[in-house]
Amino acid sequence: MIPLARRHPKLFAAFVLALVLALFFAGRIVVRAVYWSQHREEAVAPWMTVGYVGRSWRLDPRAIDAEAGLPPPEGRPLTLEQIAAGRGVPVAQVIVEVEAAIATLRAASPKP
């Protein structure tokens, strides 16, 4: 391997860079796959965004927004707690609305 690196240093550097990038992205895929396999159908909590809830429950976040009567995100997504504060209602009420939206959407979608 060392003689190859000495004969073709640029080619060897490109190969090492490609290998490092491939390992990085493969590791990223594995970490995300493991994380989401353990966080399916997680109980709705105030710190969650609608996007997180949608991913956890395998539902479209915009459908959850529409069904629960929540505002669509503009810029940075808001947590359920921030949405509740903006609406001037308790966060428990927003959580109940999101849970009802999840139940409605799951009932409407065919089982995989």
C-alpha atoms as a PDB file:
ATOM      1  CA  MET A   1       0.000   0.000   0.000  1.00  0.00           C
ATOM      2  CA  ILE A   2       2.820   2.407   0.819  1.00  0.00           C
ATOM      3  CA  PRO A   3       4.508   2.028  -2.591  1.00  0.00           C
ATOM      4  CA  LEU A   4       1.171   2.787  -4.247  1.00  0.00           C
ATOM      5  CA  ALA A   5       0.795   5.913  -2.119  1.00  0.00           C
ATOM      6  CA  ARG A   6       4.288   7.053  -3.109  1.00  0.00           C
ATOM      7  CA  ARG A   7       3.727   6.424  -6.814  1.00  0.00           C
ATOM      8  CA  HIS A   8       0.265   8.040  -6.996  1.00  0.00           C
ATOM      9  CA  PRO A   9      -0.126  10.392  -4.027  1.00  0.00           C
ATOM     10  CA  LYS A  10      -3.081  12.343  -5.450  1.00  0.00           C
ATOM     11  CA  LEU A  11      -4.963   9.201  -6.415  1.00  0.00           C
ATOM     12  CA  PHE A  12      -4.281   7.674  -3.006  1.00  0.00           C
ATOM     13  CA  ALA A  13      -5.453  10.844  -1.216  1.00  0.00           C
ATOM     14  CA  ALA A  14      -8.645  10.868  -3.289  1.00  0.00           C
ATOM     15  CA  PHE A  15      -9.263   7.213  -2.411  1.00  0.00           C
ATOM     16  CA  VAL A  16      -8.738   7.864   1.315  1.00  0.00           C
ATOM     17  CA  LEU A  17     -11.058  10.886   1.180  1.00  0.00           C
ATOM     18  CA  ALA A  18     -13.738   8.856  -0.614  1.00  0.00           C
ATOM     19  CA  LEU A  19     -13.371   6.068   1.943  1.00  0.00           C
ATOM     20  CA  VAL A  20     -13.701   8.485   4.873  1.00  0.00           C
ATOM     21  CA  LEU A  21     -16.793  10.097   3.346  1.00  0.00           C
ATOM     22  CA  ALA A  22     -18.382   6.723   2.655  1.00  0.00           C
ATOM     23  CA  LEU A  23     -17.767   5.609   6.244  1.00  0.00           C
ATOM     24  CA  PHE A  24     -19.147   8.880   7.593  1.00  0.00           C
ATOM     25  CA  PHE A  25     -22.395   8.645   5.638  1.00  0.00           C
ATOM     26  CA  ALA A  26     -22.783   4.925   6.350  1.00  0.00           C
ATOM     27  CA  GLY A  27     -22.371   5.634  10.062  1.00  0.00           C
ATOM     28  CA  ARG A  28     -24.922   8.421   9.849  1.00  0.00           C
ATOM     29  CA  ILE A  29     -27.444   6.100   8.207  1.00  0.00           C
ATOM     30  CA  VAL A  30     -26.906   3.450  10.874  1.00  0.00           C
ATOM     31  CA  VAL A  31     -27.267   5.932  13.741  1.00  0.00           C
ATOM     32  CA  ARG A  32     -30.509   7.346  12.321  1.00  0.00           C
ATOM     33  CA  ALA A  33     -31.923   3.901  11.600  1.00  0.00           C
ATOM     34  CA  VAL A  34     -31.213   2.722  15.142  1.00  0.00           C
ATOM     35  CA  TYR A  35     -32.589   5.935  16.684  1.00  0.00           C
ATOM     36  CA  TRP A  36     -35.873   5.896  14.764  1.00  0.00           C
ATOM     37  CA  SER A  37     -36.362   2.150  15.233  1.00  0.00           C
ATOM     38  CA  GLN A  38     -36.391   2.776  18.991  1.00  0.00           C
ATOM     39  CA  HIS A  39     -38.555   5.925  18.890  1.00  0.00           C
ATOM     40  CA  ARG A  40     -41.610   4.696  16.988  1.00  0.00           C
ATOM     41  CA  GLU A  41     -45.022   5.816  18.200  1.00  0.00           C
ATOM     42  CA  GLU A  42     -43.490   7.778  21.043  1.00  0.00           C
ATOM     43  CA  ALA A  43     -45.896   9.506  23.439  1.00  0.00           C
ATOM     44  CA  VAL A  44     -46.448  13.132  22.446  1.00  0.00           C
ATOM     45  CA  ALA A  45     -44.519  15.523  24.697  1.00  0.00           C
ATOM     46  CA  PRO A  46     -44.286  19.331  24.925  1.00  0.00           C
ATOM     47  CA  TRP A  47     -40.677  19.437  23.643  1.00  0.00           C
ATOM     48  CA  MET A  48     -41.552  17.750  20.336  1.00  0.00           C
ATOM     49  CA  THR A  49     -42.105  19.518  17.057  1.00  0.00           C
ATOM     50  CA  VAL A  50     -44.904  18.438  14.741  1.00  0.00           C
ATOM     51  CA  GLY A  51     -42.223  17.108  12.374  1.00  0.00           C
ATOM     52  CA  TYR A  52     -40.801  14.897  15.107  1.00  0.00           C
ATOM     53  CA  VAL A  53     -44.282  13.611  15.978  1.00  0.00           C
ATOM     54  CA  GLY A  54     -44.964  12.892  12.311  1.00  0.00           C
ATOM     55  CA  ARG A  55     -41.735  10.987  11.885  1.00  0.00           C
ATOM     56  CA  SER A  56     -42.281   9.002  15.068  1.00  0.00           C
ATOM     57  CA  TRP A  57     -45.818   8.032  14.062  1.00  0.00           C
ATOM     58  CA  ARG A  58     -44.993   7.678  10.330  1.00  0.00           C
ATOM     59  CA  LEU A  59     -47.464  10.378   9.357  1.00  0.00           C
ATOM     60  CA  ASP A  60     -47.183  13.527   7.254  1.00  0.00           C
ATOM     61  CA  PRO A  61     -46.470  16.449   9.622  1.00  0.00           C
ATOM     62  CA  ARG A  62     -48.473  18.860   7.440  1.00  0.00           C
ATOM     63  CA  ALA A  63     -51.471  16.503   7.679  1.00  0.00           C
ATOM     64  CA  ILE A  64     -51.119  16.581  11.473  1.00  0.00           C
ATOM     65  CA  ASP A  65     -50.986  20.401  11.339  1.00  0.00           C
ATOM     66  CA  ALA A  66     -54.137  20.551   9.228  1.00  0.00           C
ATOM     67  CA  GLU A  67     -56.062  17.977  11.266  1.00  0.00           C
ATOM     68  CA  ALA A  68     -55.123  19.518  14.635  1.00  0.00           C
ATOM     69  CA  GLY A  69     -55.653  23.100  13.460  1.00  0.00           C
ATOM     70  CA  LEU A  70     -52.025  24.056  14.056  1.00  0.00           C
ATOM     71  CA  PRO A  71     -50.219  26.723  12.052  1.00  0.00           C
ATOM     72  CA  PRO A  72     -47.841  25.452   9.368  1.00  0.00           C
ATOM     73  CA  PRO A  73     -44.198  26.101  10.229  1.00  0.00           C
ATOM     74  CA  GLU A  74     -42.587  29.288   8.998  1.00  0.00           C
ATOM     75  CA  GLY A  75     -38.824  29.115   9.251  1.00  0.00           C
ATOM     76  CA  ARG A  76     -37.663  27.204  12.306  1.00  0.00           C
ATOM     77  CA  PRO A  77     -40.201  24.611  13.516  1.00  0.00           C
ATOM     78  CA  LEU A  78     -41.846  25.349  16.850  1.00  0.00           C
ATOM     79  CA  THR A  79     -42.271  22.879  19.678  1.00  0.00           C
ATOM     80  CA  LEU A  80     -45.755  22.049  20.875  1.00  0.00           C
ATOM     81  CA  GLU A  81     -45.013  24.091  23.986  1.00  0.00           C
ATOM     82  CA  GLN A  82     -44.143  27.143  21.879  1.00  0.00           C
ATOM     83  CA  ILE A  83     -47.267  26.664  19.754  1.00  0.00           C
ATOM     84  CA  ALA A  84     -49.395  26.527  22.905  1.00  0.00           C
ATOM     85  CA  ALA A  85     -47.761  29.674  24.286  1.00  0.00           C
ATOM     86  CA  GLY A  86     -48.362  31.465  20.992  1.00  0.00           C
ATOM     87  CA  ARG A  87     -52.037  30.471  21.025  1.00  0.00           C
ATOM     88  CA  GLY A  88     -52.407  31.295  24.725  1.00  0.00           C
ATOM     89  CA  VAL A  89     -53.656  27.829  25.659  1.00  0.00           C
ATOM     90  CA  PRO A  90     -52.243  25.126  27.935  1.00  0.00           C
ATOM     91  CA  VAL A  91     -49.785  22.773  26.278  1.00  0.00           C
ATOM     92  CA  ALA A  92     -51.960  19.845  27.384  1.00  0.00           C
ATOM     93  CA  GLN A  93     -54.709  21.101  25.075  1.00  0.00           C
ATOM     94  CA  VAL A  94     -52.347  21.183  22.092  1.00  0.00           C
ATOM     95  CA  ILE A  95     -51.115  17.678  22.939  1.00  0.00           C
ATOM     96  CA  VAL A  96     -54.717  16.410  23.070  1.00  0.00           C
ATOM     97  CA  GLU A  97     -55.391  18.010  19.666  1.00  0.00           C
ATOM     98  CA  VAL A  98     -52.261  16.410  18.179  1.00  0.00           C
ATOM     99  CA  GLU A  99     -53.131  13.002  19.655  1.00  0.00           C
ATOM    100  CA  ALA A 100     -56.656  13.274  18.221  1.00  0.00           C
ATOM    101  CA  ALA A 101     -55.168  14.169  14.831  1.00  0.00           C
ATOM    102  CA  ILE A 102     -52.864  11.143  15.019  1.00  0.00           C
ATOM    103  CA  ALA A 103     -55.813   8.860  15.823  1.00  0.00           C
ATOM    104  CA  THR A 104     -57.866  10.286  12.954  1.00  0.00           C
ATOM    105  CA  LEU A 105     -55.035  10.022  10.432  1.00  0.00           C
ATOM    106  CA  ARG A 106     -54.125   6.496  11.491  1.00  0.00           C
ATOM    107  CA  ALA A 107     -57.751   5.402  11.216  1.00  0.00           C
ATOM    108  CA  ALA A 108     -57.979   6.913   7.734  1.00  0.00           C
ATOM    109  CA  SER A 109     -54.755   5.379   6.412  1.00  0.00           C
ATOM    110  CA  PRO A 110     -54.581   1.697   5.403  1.00  0.00           C
ATOM    111  CA  LYS A 111     -52.529  -0.592   7.616  1.00  0.00           C
ATOM    112  CA  PRO A 112     -49.175  -1.593   6.074  1.00  0.00           C
END
